[in-house]
Full PDB file with SEQRES, HELIX, SHEET, SSBOND, CRYST1, ORIGX, SCALE, CONECT and MASTER records, all heavy atoms in Angstrom:
SEQRES   1 A   36  ASP ARG LEU PRO ASP HIS SER MET ILE GLN ILE PHE SER          
SEQRES   2 A   36  PHE LEU PRO THR ASN GLN LEU CYS ARG CYS ALA ARG VAL          
SEQRES   3 A   36  CYS ARG ARG TRP TYR ASN LEU ALA TRP ASP                      
HELIX    1 AA1 ASP A    5  PHE A   12  1                                   8    
HELIX    2 AA2 THR A   17  CYS A   23  1                                   7    
HELIX    3 AA3 ARG A   28  ALA A   34  1                                   7    
CRYST1    1.000    1.000    1.000  90.00  90.00  90.00 P 1           1          
ORIGX1      1.000000  0.000000  0.000000        0.00000                         
ORIGX2      0.000000  1.000000  0.000000        0.00000                         
ORIGX3      0.000000  0.000000  1.000000        0.00000                         
SCALE1      1.000000  0.000000  0.000000        0.00000                         
SCALE2      0.000000  1.000000  0.000000        0.00000                         
SCALE3      0.000000  0.000000  1.000000        0.00000                         
ATOM      1  N   ASP A   1    -181.248 185.943  24.108  1.00  0.00           N  
ATOM      2  CA  ASP A   1    -180.252 187.007  24.222  1.00  0.00           C  
ATOM      3  C   ASP A   1    -180.393 187.783  25.525  1.00  0.00           C  
ATOM      4  O   ASP A   1    -179.489 188.536  25.900  1.00  0.00           O  
ATOM      5  CB  ASP A   1    -180.379 187.974  23.046  1.00  0.00           C  
ATOM      6  CG  ASP A   1    -179.845 187.356  21.751  1.00  0.00           C  
ATOM      7  OD1 ASP A   1    -179.012 186.439  21.868  1.00  0.00           O  
ATOM      8  OD2 ASP A   1    -180.262 187.779  20.665  1.00  0.00           O  
ATOM      9  N   ARG A   2    -181.511 187.601  26.206  1.00  0.00           N  
ATOM     10  CA  ARG A   2    -181.705 188.303  27.472  1.00  0.00           C  
ATOM     11  C   ARG A   2    -181.030 187.580  28.641  1.00  0.00           C  
ATOM     12  O   ARG A   2    -180.921 188.135  29.729  1.00  0.00           O  
ATOM     13  CB  ARG A   2    -183.199 188.445  27.759  1.00  0.00           C  
ATOM     14  CG  ARG A   2    -183.955 189.247  26.706  1.00  0.00           C  
ATOM     15  CD  ARG A   2    -185.422 189.353  27.067  1.00  0.00           C  
ATOM     16  NE  ARG A   2    -186.174 190.055  26.033  1.00  0.00           N  
ATOM     17  CZ  ARG A   2    -187.492 190.271  26.065  1.00  0.00           C  
ATOM     18  NH1 ARG A   2    -188.179 189.830  27.131  1.00  0.00           N  
ATOM     19  NH2 ARG A   2    -188.091 190.902  25.093  1.00  0.00           N  
ATOM     20  N   LEU A   3    -180.610 186.370  28.401  1.00  0.00           N  
ATOM     21  CA  LEU A   3    -179.953 185.600  29.466  1.00  0.00           C  
ATOM     22  C   LEU A   3    -178.598 186.212  29.785  1.00  0.00           C  
ATOM     23  O   LEU A   3    -177.860 186.635  28.884  1.00  0.00           O  
ATOM     24  CB  LEU A   3    -179.772 184.147  29.049  1.00  0.00           C  
ATOM     25  CG  LEU A   3    -181.038 183.309  28.903  1.00  0.00           C  
ATOM     26  CD1 LEU A   3    -180.690 181.921  28.376  1.00  0.00           C  
ATOM     27  CD2 LEU A   3    -181.763 183.184  30.239  1.00  0.00           C  
ATOM     28  N   PRO A   4    -178.217 186.219  31.047  1.00  0.00           N  
ATOM     29  CA  PRO A   4    -176.885 186.734  31.414  1.00  0.00           C  
ATOM     30  C   PRO A   4    -175.793 185.796  30.924  1.00  0.00           C  
ATOM     31  O   PRO A   4    -176.035 184.622  30.601  1.00  0.00           O  
ATOM     32  CB  PRO A   4    -176.940 186.793  32.938  1.00  0.00           C  
ATOM     33  CG  PRO A   4    -177.985 185.798  33.328  1.00  0.00           C  
ATOM     34  CD  PRO A   4    -179.013 185.819  32.226  1.00  0.00           C  
ATOM     35  N   ASP A   5    -174.574 186.286  30.908  1.00  0.00           N  
ATOM     36  CA  ASP A   5    -173.452 185.512  30.373  1.00  0.00           C  
ATOM     37  C   ASP A   5    -173.252 184.198  31.110  1.00  0.00           C  
ATOM     38  O   ASP A   5    -172.992 183.157  30.490  1.00  0.00           O  
ATOM     39  CB  ASP A   5    -172.166 186.341  30.447  1.00  0.00           C  
ATOM     40  CG  ASP A   5    -172.149 187.457  29.421  1.00  0.00           C  
ATOM     41  OD1 ASP A   5    -173.059 187.486  28.563  1.00  0.00           O  
ATOM     42  OD2 ASP A   5    -171.229 188.291  29.477  1.00  0.00           O  
ATOM     43  N   HIS A   6    -173.373 184.208  32.420  1.00  0.00           N  
ATOM     44  CA  HIS A   6    -173.105 182.977  33.170  1.00  0.00           C  
ATOM     45  C   HIS A   6    -174.129 181.889  32.837  1.00  0.00           C  
ATOM     46  O   HIS A   6    -173.817 180.697  32.832  1.00  0.00           O  
ATOM     47  CB  HIS A   6    -173.077 183.266  34.681  1.00  0.00           C  
ATOM     48  CG  HIS A   6    -174.393 183.685  35.255  1.00  0.00           C  
ATOM     49  ND1 HIS A   6    -175.358 182.795  35.671  1.00  0.00           N  
ATOM     50  CD2 HIS A   6    -174.894 184.927  35.493  1.00  0.00           C  
ATOM     51  CE1 HIS A   6    -176.408 183.461  36.137  1.00  0.00           C  
ATOM     52  NE2 HIS A   6    -176.153 184.757  36.042  1.00  0.00           N  
ATOM     53  N   SER A   7    -175.376 182.293  32.530  1.00  0.00           N  
ATOM     54  CA  SER A   7    -176.391 181.312  32.138  1.00  0.00           C  
ATOM     55  C   SER A   7    -176.088 180.757  30.747  1.00  0.00           C  
ATOM     56  O   SER A   7    -176.262 179.555  30.485  1.00  0.00           O  
ATOM     57  CB  SER A   7    -177.780 181.939  32.162  1.00  0.00           C  
ATOM     58  OG  SER A   7    -178.125 182.350  33.469  1.00  0.00           O  
ATOM     59  N   MET A   8    -175.655 181.606  29.847  1.00  0.00           N  
ATOM     60  CA  MET A   8    -175.293 181.155  28.502  1.00  0.00           C  
ATOM     61  C   MET A   8    -174.122 180.181  28.553  1.00  0.00           C  
ATOM     62  O   MET A   8    -174.116 179.162  27.862  1.00  0.00           O  
ATOM     63  CB  MET A   8    -174.934 182.366  27.639  1.00  0.00           C  
ATOM     64  CG  MET A   8    -176.107 183.283  27.330  1.00  0.00           C  
ATOM     65  SD  MET A   8    -177.295 182.510  26.216  1.00  0.00           S  
ATOM     66  CE  MET A   8    -176.311 182.364  24.730  1.00  0.00           C  
ATOM     67  N   ILE A   9    -173.156 180.489  29.373  1.00  0.00           N  
ATOM     68  CA  ILE A   9    -172.001 179.595  29.501  1.00  0.00           C  
ATOM     69  C   ILE A   9    -172.429 178.246  30.058  1.00  0.00           C  
ATOM     70  O   ILE A   9    -171.943 177.195  29.635  1.00  0.00           O  
ATOM     71  CB  ILE A   9    -170.919 180.249  30.383  1.00  0.00           C  
ATOM     72  CG1 ILE A   9    -170.303 181.438  29.651  1.00  0.00           C  
ATOM     73  CG2 ILE A   9    -169.843 179.235  30.758  1.00  0.00           C  
ATOM     74  CD1 ILE A   9    -169.333 182.237  30.487  1.00  0.00           C  
ATOM     75  N   GLN A  10    -173.362 178.278  30.996  1.00  0.00           N  
ATOM     76  CA  GLN A  10    -173.877 177.021  31.540  1.00  0.00           C  
ATOM     77  C   GLN A  10    -174.562 176.202  30.450  1.00  0.00           C  
ATOM     78  O   GLN A  10    -174.405 174.978  30.379  1.00  0.00           O  
ATOM     79  CB  GLN A  10    -174.862 177.318  32.681  1.00  0.00           C  
ATOM     80  CG  GLN A  10    -175.435 176.085  33.358  1.00  0.00           C  
ATOM     81  CD  GLN A  10    -174.395 175.289  34.109  1.00  0.00           C  
ATOM     82  OE1 GLN A  10    -173.360 175.839  34.490  1.00  0.00           O  
ATOM     83  NE2 GLN A  10    -174.640 173.999  34.295  1.00  0.00           N  
ATOM     84  N   ILE A  11    -175.308 176.843  29.578  1.00  0.00           N  
ATOM     85  CA  ILE A  11    -175.953 176.145  28.467  1.00  0.00           C  
ATOM     86  C   ILE A  11    -174.900 175.596  27.513  1.00  0.00           C  
ATOM     87  O   ILE A  11    -174.962 174.441  27.080  1.00  0.00           O  
ATOM     88  CB  ILE A  11    -176.915 177.091  27.728  1.00  0.00           C  
ATOM     89  CG1 ILE A  11    -178.078 177.475  28.646  1.00  0.00           C  
ATOM     90  CG2 ILE A  11    -177.435 176.443  26.451  1.00  0.00           C  
ATOM     91  CD1 ILE A  11    -178.991 178.541  28.075  1.00  0.00           C  
ATOM     92  N   PHE A  12    -173.916 176.406  27.174  1.00  0.00           N  
ATOM     93  CA  PHE A  12    -172.865 175.976  26.256  1.00  0.00           C  
ATOM     94  C   PHE A  12    -172.063 174.793  26.799  1.00  0.00           C  
ATOM     95  O   PHE A  12    -171.496 174.019  26.041  1.00  0.00           O  
ATOM     96  CB  PHE A  12    -171.910 177.141  25.962  1.00  0.00           C  
ATOM     97  CG  PHE A  12    -172.472 178.173  25.015  1.00  0.00           C  
ATOM     98  CD1 PHE A  12    -171.798 179.360  24.785  1.00  0.00           C  
ATOM     99  CD2 PHE A  12    -173.674 177.954  24.361  1.00  0.00           C  
ATOM    100  CE1 PHE A  12    -172.308 180.308  23.907  1.00  0.00           C  
ATOM    101  CE2 PHE A  12    -174.191 178.897  23.484  1.00  0.00           C  
ATOM    102  CZ  PHE A  12    -173.511 180.073  23.263  1.00  0.00           C  
ATOM    103  N   SER A  13    -171.999 174.676  28.120  1.00  0.00           N  
ATOM    104  CA  SER A  13    -171.192 173.603  28.720  1.00  0.00           C  
ATOM    105  C   SER A  13    -171.726 172.217  28.370  1.00  0.00           C  
ATOM    106  O   SER A  13    -171.003 171.229  28.500  1.00  0.00           O  
ATOM    107  CB  SER A  13    -171.143 173.772  30.241  1.00  0.00           C  
ATOM    108  OG  SER A  13    -172.413 173.526  30.822  1.00  0.00           O  
ATOM    109  N   PHE A  14    -172.978 172.136  27.922  1.00  0.00           N  
ATOM    110  CA  PHE A  14    -173.556 170.842  27.562  1.00  0.00           C  
ATOM    111  C   PHE A  14    -173.382 170.525  26.078  1.00  0.00           C  
ATOM    112  O   PHE A  14    -173.791 169.448  25.626  1.00  0.00           O  
ATOM    113  CB  PHE A  14    -175.053 170.816  27.910  1.00  0.00           C  
ATOM    114  CG  PHE A  14    -175.336 170.895  29.377  1.00  0.00           C  
ATOM    115  CD1 PHE A  14    -175.666 172.100  29.981  1.00  0.00           C  
ATOM    116  CD2 PHE A  14    -175.249 169.766  30.180  1.00  0.00           C  
ATOM    117  CE1 PHE A  14    -175.921 172.184  31.342  1.00  0.00           C  
ATOM    118  CE2 PHE A  14    -175.496 169.827  31.538  1.00  0.00           C  
ATOM    119  CZ  PHE A  14    -175.834 171.038  32.130  1.00  0.00           C  
ATOM    120  N   LEU A  15    -172.795 171.440  25.330  1.00  0.00           N  
ATOM    121  CA  LEU A  15    -172.663 171.244  23.887  1.00  0.00           C  
ATOM    122  C   LEU A  15    -171.361 170.530  23.539  1.00  0.00           C  
ATOM    123  O   LEU A  15    -170.324 170.773  24.164  1.00  0.00           O  
ATOM    124  CB  LEU A  15    -172.690 172.599  23.174  1.00  0.00           C  
ATOM    125  CG  LEU A  15    -173.981 173.417  23.297  1.00  0.00           C  
ATOM    126  CD1 LEU A  15    -173.822 174.732  22.553  1.00  0.00           C  
ATOM    127  CD2 LEU A  15    -175.175 172.644  22.762  1.00  0.00           C  
ATOM    128  N   PRO A  16    -171.398 169.667  22.520  1.00  0.00           N  
ATOM    129  CA  PRO A  16    -170.148 169.074  22.016  1.00  0.00           C  
ATOM    130  C   PRO A  16    -169.320 170.135  21.305  1.00  0.00           C  
ATOM    131  O   PRO A  16    -169.808 171.223  20.965  1.00  0.00           O  
ATOM    132  CB  PRO A  16    -170.642 167.991  21.054  1.00  0.00           C  
ATOM    133  CG  PRO A  16    -172.005 168.429  20.650  1.00  0.00           C  
ATOM    134  CD  PRO A  16    -172.581 169.162  21.816  1.00  0.00           C  
ATOM    135  N   THR A  17    -168.069 169.822  21.081  1.00  0.00           N  
ATOM    136  CA  THR A  17    -167.138 170.810  20.537  1.00  0.00           C  
ATOM    137  C   THR A  17    -167.593 171.364  19.195  1.00  0.00           C  
ATOM    138  O   THR A  17    -167.496 172.562  18.944  1.00  0.00           O  
ATOM    139  CB  THR A  17    -165.745 170.180  20.395  1.00  0.00           C  
ATOM    140  OG1 THR A  17    -165.302 169.768  21.680  1.00  0.00           O  
ATOM    141  CG2 THR A  17    -164.757 171.178  19.829  1.00  0.00           C  
ATOM    142  N   ASN A  18    -168.091 170.495  18.307  1.00  0.00           N  
ATOM    143  CA  ASN A  18    -168.487 170.989  16.986  1.00  0.00           C  
ATOM    144  C   ASN A  18    -169.640 171.989  17.095  1.00  0.00           C  
ATOM    145  O   ASN A  18    -169.714 172.966  16.350  1.00  0.00           O  
ATOM    146  CB  ASN A  18    -168.865 169.835  16.075  1.00  0.00           C  
ATOM    147  CG  ASN A  18    -170.066 169.062  16.582  1.00  0.00           C  
ATOM    148  OD1 ASN A  18    -170.105 168.659  17.733  1.00  0.00           O  
ATOM    149  ND2 ASN A  18    -171.051 168.871  15.722  1.00  0.00           N  
ATOM    150  N   GLN A  19    -170.558 171.788  18.068  1.00  0.00           N  
ATOM    151  CA  GLN A  19    -171.652 172.731  18.250  1.00  0.00           C  
ATOM    152  C   GLN A  19    -171.157 174.052  18.837  1.00  0.00           C  
ATOM    153  O   GLN A  19    -171.679 175.124  18.505  1.00  0.00           O  
ATOM    154  CB  GLN A  19    -172.717 172.113  19.164  1.00  0.00           C  
ATOM    155  CG  GLN A  19    -173.405 170.888  18.580  1.00  0.00           C  
ATOM    156  CD  GLN A  19    -174.206 171.227  17.333  1.00  0.00           C  
ATOM    157  OE1 GLN A  19    -174.589 172.370  17.133  1.00  0.00           O  
ATOM    158  NE2 GLN A  19    -174.451 170.233  16.497  1.00  0.00           N  
ATOM    159  N   LEU A  20    -170.148 173.965  19.697  1.00  0.00           N  
ATOM    160  CA  LEU A  20    -169.535 175.193  20.199  1.00  0.00           C  
ATOM    161  C   LEU A  20    -168.942 176.003  19.057  1.00  0.00           C  
ATOM    162  O   LEU A  20    -169.045 177.234  19.016  1.00  0.00           O  
ATOM    163  CB  LEU A  20    -168.452 174.866  21.218  1.00  0.00           C  
ATOM    164  CG  LEU A  20    -168.871 174.729  22.679  1.00  0.00           C  
ATOM    165  CD1 LEU A  20    -167.664 174.392  23.532  1.00  0.00           C  
ATOM    166  CD2 LEU A  20    -169.535 175.996  23.175  1.00  0.00           C  
ATOM    167  N   CYS A  21    -168.323 175.301  18.115  1.00  0.00           N  
ATOM    168  CA  CYS A  21    -167.738 175.983  16.960  1.00  0.00           C  
ATOM    169  C   CYS A  21    -168.816 176.695  16.155  1.00  0.00           C  
ATOM    170  O   CYS A  21    -168.613 177.818  15.676  1.00  0.00           O  
ATOM    171  CB  CYS A  21    -167.013 174.968  16.072  1.00  0.00           C  
ATOM    172  SG  CYS A  21    -165.582 174.200  16.855  1.00  0.00           S  
ATOM    173  N   ARG A  22    -169.961 176.056  16.004  1.00  0.00           N  
ATOM    174  CA  ARG A  22    -171.052 176.677  15.252  1.00  0.00           C  
ATOM    175  C   ARG A  22    -171.643 177.861  16.009  1.00  0.00           C  
ATOM    176  O   ARG A  22    -171.979 178.889  15.410  1.00  0.00           O  
ATOM    177  CB  ARG A  22    -172.131 175.627  14.969  1.00  0.00           C  
ATOM    178  CG  ARG A  22    -171.662 174.565  13.981  1.00  0.00           C  
ATOM    179  CD  ARG A  22    -172.674 173.449  13.859  1.00  0.00           C  
ATOM    180  NE  ARG A  22    -172.203 172.427  12.918  1.00  0.00           N  
ATOM    181  CZ  ARG A  22    -172.823 171.266  12.712  1.00  0.00           C  
ATOM    182  NH1 ARG A  22    -173.923 170.989  13.392  1.00  0.00           N  
ATOM    183  NH2 ARG A  22    -172.337 170.400  11.851  1.00  0.00           N  
ATOM    184  N   CYS A  23    -171.783 177.705  17.321  1.00  0.00           N  
ATOM    185  CA  CYS A  23    -172.327 178.814  18.119  1.00  0.00           C  
ATOM    186  C   CYS A  23    -171.432 180.044  18.037  1.00  0.00           C  
ATOM    187  O   CYS A  23    -171.910 181.183  18.067  1.00  0.00           O  
ATOM    188  CB  CYS A  23    -172.488 178.377  19.570  1.00  0.00           C  
ATOM    189  SG  CYS A  23    -173.854 177.227  19.851  1.00  0.00           S  
ATOM    190  N   ALA A  24    -170.131 179.818  17.943  1.00  0.00           N  
ATOM    191  CA  ALA A  24    -169.192 180.940  17.895  1.00  0.00           C  
ATOM    192  C   ALA A  24    -169.356 181.765  16.618  1.00  0.00           C  
ATOM    193  O   ALA A  24    -168.856 182.892  16.545  1.00  0.00           O  
ATOM    194  CB  ALA A  24    -167.767 180.429  18.008  1.00  0.00           C  
ATOM    195  N   ARG A  25    -170.079 181.250  15.620  1.00  0.00           N  
ATOM    196  CA  ARG A  25    -170.249 181.968  14.357  1.00  0.00           C  
ATOM    197  C   ARG A  25    -171.594 182.678  14.289  1.00  0.00           C  
ATOM    198  O   ARG A  25    -171.962 183.214  13.244  1.00  0.00           O  
ATOM    199  CB  ARG A  25    -170.110 180.977  13.191  1.00  0.00           C  
ATOM    200  CG  ARG A  25    -168.773 180.242  13.192  1.00  0.00           C  
ATOM    201  CD  ARG A  25    -168.666 179.295  12.025  1.00  0.00           C  
ATOM    202  NE  ARG A  25    -168.554 180.002  10.772  1.00  0.00           N  
ATOM    203  CZ  ARG A  25    -168.543 179.399   9.579  1.00  0.00           C  
ATOM    204  NH1 ARG A  25    -168.649 178.090   9.510  1.00  0.00           N  
ATOM    205  NH2 ARG A  25    -168.447 180.111   8.476  1.00  0.00           N  
ATOM    206  N   VAL A  26    -172.333 182.686  15.393  1.00  0.00           N  
ATOM    207  CA  VAL A  26    -173.653 183.312  15.398  1.00  0.00           C  
ATOM    208  C   VAL A  26    -173.552 184.828  15.507  1.00  0.00           C  
ATOM    209  O   VAL A  26    -174.120 185.569  14.712  1.00  0.00           O  
ATOM    210  CB  VAL A  26    -174.522 182.739  16.542  1.00  0.00           C  
ATOM    211  CG1 VAL A  26    -175.802 183.541  16.696  1.00  0.00           C  
ATOM    212  CG2 VAL A  26    -174.828 181.272  16.278  1.00  0.00           C  
ATOM    213  N   CYS A  27    -172.832 185.297  16.512  1.00  0.00           N  
ATOM    214  CA  CYS A  27    -172.688 186.732  16.717  1.00  0.00           C  
ATOM    215  C   CYS A  27    -171.451 186.987  17.571  1.00  0.00           C  
ATOM    216  O   CYS A  27    -170.839 186.054  18.083  1.00  0.00           O  
ATOM    217  CB  CYS A  27    -173.930 187.331  17.379  1.00  0.00           C  
ATOM    218  SG  CYS A  27    -174.240 186.692  19.037  1.00  0.00           S  
ATOM    219  N   ARG A  28    -171.105 188.244  17.734  1.00  0.00           N  
ATOM    220  CA  ARG A  28    -169.885 188.578  18.460  1.00  0.00           C  
ATOM    221  C   ARG A  28    -169.973 188.120  19.917  1.00  0.00           C  
ATOM    222  O   ARG A  28    -169.004 187.604  20.478  1.00  0.00           O  
ATOM    223  CB  ARG A  28    -169.627 190.081  18.400  1.00  0.00           C  
ATOM    224  CG  ARG A  28    -168.349 190.528  19.121  1.00  0.00           C  
ATOM    225  CD  ARG A  28    -168.135 192.016  18.963  1.00  0.00           C  
ATOM    226  NE  ARG A  28    -167.886 192.379  17.585  1.00  0.00           N  
ATOM    227  CZ  ARG A  28    -166.685 192.314  16.989  1.00  0.00           C  
ATOM    228  NH1 ARG A  28    -165.645 191.875  17.680  1.00  0.00           N  
ATOM    229  NH2 ARG A  28    -166.537 192.682  15.741  1.00  0.00           N  
ATOM    230  N   ARG A  29    -171.142 188.315  20.526  1.00  0.00           N  
ATOM    231  CA  ARG A  29    -171.289 187.910  21.925  1.00  0.00           C  
ATOM    232  C   ARG A  29    -171.107 186.412  22.083  1.00  0.00           C  
ATOM    233  O   ARG A  29    -170.393 185.950  22.965  1.00  0.00           O  
ATOM    234  CB  ARG A  29    -172.660 188.326  22.456  1.00  0.00           C  
ATOM    235  CG  ARG A  29    -172.860 187.963  23.930  1.00  0.00           C  
ATOM    236  CD  ARG A  29    -174.302 188.057  24.340  1.00  0.00           C  
ATOM    237  NE  ARG A  29    -174.468 187.685  25.743  1.00  0.00           N  
ATOM    238  CZ  ARG A  29    -175.598 187.225  26.259  1.00  0.00           C  
ATOM    239  NH1 ARG A  29    -176.669 187.088  25.496  1.00  0.00           N  
ATOM    240  NH2 ARG A  29    -175.664 186.908  27.539  1.00  0.00           N  
ATOM    241  N   TRP A  30    -171.751 185.639  21.201  1.00  0.00           N  
ATOM    242  CA  TRP A  30    -171.625 184.183  21.290  1.00  0.00           C  
ATOM    243  C   TRP A  30    -170.202 183.734  20.993  1.00  0.00           C  
ATOM    244  O   TRP A  30    -169.727 182.738  21.541  1.00  0.00           O  
ATOM    245  CB  TRP A  30    -172.614 183.524  20.322  1.00  0.00           C  
ATOM    246  CG  TRP A  30    -174.027 183.510  20.832  1.00  0.00           C  
ATOM    247  CD1 TRP A  30    -174.617 184.439  21.635  1.00  0.00           C  
ATOM    248  CD2 TRP A  30    -175.018 182.513  20.571  1.00  0.00           C  
ATOM    249  NE1 TRP A  30    -175.908 184.107  21.895  1.00  0.00           N  
ATOM    250  CE2 TRP A  30    -176.192 182.919  21.252  1.00  0.00           C  
ATOM    251  CE3 TRP A  30    -175.045 181.348  19.823  1.00  0.00           C  
ATOM    252  CZ2 TRP A  30    -177.370 182.185  21.208  1.00  0.00           C  
ATOM    253  CZ3 TRP A  30    -176.218 180.600  19.764  1.00  0.00           C  
ATOM    254  CH2 TRP A  30    -177.369 181.015  20.456  1.00  0.00           C  
ATOM    255  N   TYR A  31    -169.534 184.447  20.102  1.00  0.00           N  
ATOM    256  CA  TYR A  31    -168.138 184.121  19.802  1.00  0.00           C  
ATOM    257  C   TYR A  31    -167.284 184.218  21.066  1.00  0.00           C  
ATOM    258  O   TYR A  31    -166.498 183.332  21.385  1.00  0.00           O  
ATOM    259  CB  TYR A  31    -167.602 185.079  18.730  1.00  0.00           C  
ATOM    260  CG  TYR A  31    -166.149 184.858  18.360  1.00  0.00           C  
ATOM    261  CD1 TYR A  31    -165.792 183.995  17.345  1.00  0.00           C  
ATOM    262  CD2 TYR A  31    -165.137 185.547  19.037  1.00  0.00           C  
ATOM    263  CE1 TYR A  31    -164.459 183.800  17.012  1.00  0.00           C  
ATOM    264  CE2 TYR A  31    -163.808 185.360  18.714  1.00  0.00           C  
ATOM    265  CZ  TYR A  31    -163.475 184.480  17.695  1.00  0.00           C  
ATOM    266  OH  TYR A  31    -162.160 184.288  17.373  1.00  0.00           O  
ATOM    267  N   ASN A  32    -167.463 185.308  21.807  1.00  0.00           N  
ATOM    268  CA  ASN A  32    -166.684 185.503  23.032  1.00  0.00           C  
ATOM    269  C   ASN A  32    -167.050 184.476  24.106  1.00  0.00           C  
ATOM    270  O   ASN A  32    -166.179 183.973  24.825  1.00  0.00           O  
ATOM    271  CB  ASN A  32    -166.890 186.923  23.560  1.00  0.00           C  
ATOM    272  CG  ASN A  32    -166.326 187.981  22.627  1.00  0.00           C  
ATOM    273  OD1 ASN A  32    -165.325 187.740  21.944  1.00  0.00           O  
ATOM    274  ND2 ASN A  32    -166.965 189.151  22.588  1.00  0.00           N  
ATOM    275  N   LEU A  33    -168.352 184.170  24.201  1.00  0.00           N  
ATOM    276  CA  LEU A  33    -168.787 183.202  25.207  1.00  0.00           C  
ATOM    277  C   LEU A  33    -168.316 181.788  24.865  1.00  0.00           C  
ATOM    278  O   LEU A  33    -167.945 181.010  25.754  1.00  0.00           O  
ATOM    279  CB  LEU A  33    -170.312 183.227  25.331  1.00  0.00           C  
ATOM    280  CG  LEU A  33    -170.933 184.490  25.926  1.00  0.00           C  
ATOM    281  CD1 LEU A  33    -172.456 184.401  25.898  1.00  0.00           C  
ATOM    282  CD2 LEU A  33    -170.440 184.700  27.356  1.00  0.00           C  
ATOM    283  N   ALA A  34    -168.332 181.451  23.583  1.00  0.00           N  
ATOM    284  CA  ALA A  34    -167.945 180.093  23.174  1.00  0.00           C  
ATOM    285  C   ALA A  34    -166.487 179.793  23.470  1.00  0.00           C  
ATOM    286  O   ALA A  34    -166.104 178.628  23.623  1.00  0.00           O  
ATOM    287  CB  ALA A  34    -168.230 179.889  21.689  1.00  0.00           C  
ATOM    288  N   TRP A  35    -165.664 180.848  23.555  1.00  0.00           N  
ATOM    289  CA  TRP A  35    -164.247 180.642  23.852  1.00  0.00           C  
ATOM    290  C   TRP A  35    -163.922 180.939  25.305  1.00  0.00           C  
ATOM    291  O   TRP A  35    -162.756 181.127  25.655  1.00  0.00           O  
ATOM    292  CB  TRP A  35    -163.385 181.505  22.928  1.00  0.00           C  
ATOM    293  CG  TRP A  35    -163.272 180.931  21.551  1.00  0.00           C  
ATOM    294  CD1 TRP A  35    -163.828 181.403  20.411  1.00  0.00           C  
ATOM    295  CD2 TRP A  35    -162.577 179.739  21.192  1.00  0.00           C  
ATOM    296  NE1 TRP A  35    -163.525 180.580  19.351  1.00  0.00           N  
ATOM    297  CE2 TRP A  35    -162.756 179.558  19.799  1.00  0.00           C  
ATOM    298  CE3 TRP A  35    -161.827 178.802  21.899  1.00  0.00           C  
ATOM    299  CZ2 TRP A  35    -162.215 178.488  19.107  1.00  0.00           C  
ATOM    300  CZ3 TRP A  35    -161.281 177.724  21.207  1.00  0.00           C  
ATOM    301  CH2 TRP A  35    -161.475 177.581  19.831  1.00  0.00           C  
ATOM    302  N   ASP A  36    -164.937 180.938  26.140  1.00  0.00           N  
ATOM    303  CA  ASP A  36    -164.681 181.104  27.564  1.00  0.00           C  
ATOM    304  C   ASP A  36    -163.824 179.941  28.060  1.00  0.00           C  
ATOM    305  O   ASP A  36    -164.119 178.780  27.763  1.00  0.00           O  
ATOM    306  CB  ASP A  36    -166.006 181.130  28.329  1.00  0.00           C  
ATOM    307  CG  ASP A  36    -165.813 181.484  29.794  1.00  0.00           C  
ATOM    308  OD1 ASP A  36    -165.386 180.582  30.555  1.00  0.00           O  
ATOM    309  OD2 ASP A  36    -166.084 182.635  30.169  1.00  0.00           O  
TER     310      ASP A  36                                                      
MASTER        0    0    0    3    0    0    0    6  309    1    0    3          
END                                                                             
């Protein structure tokens, strides 16, 4: 959670779509980042 948004987005870019969907249900911040 200490990682900046751009680093999180870089990590998310390697995830398949179904994993992005799951990440979006973790917390509000991840929800917003997953739909970048």
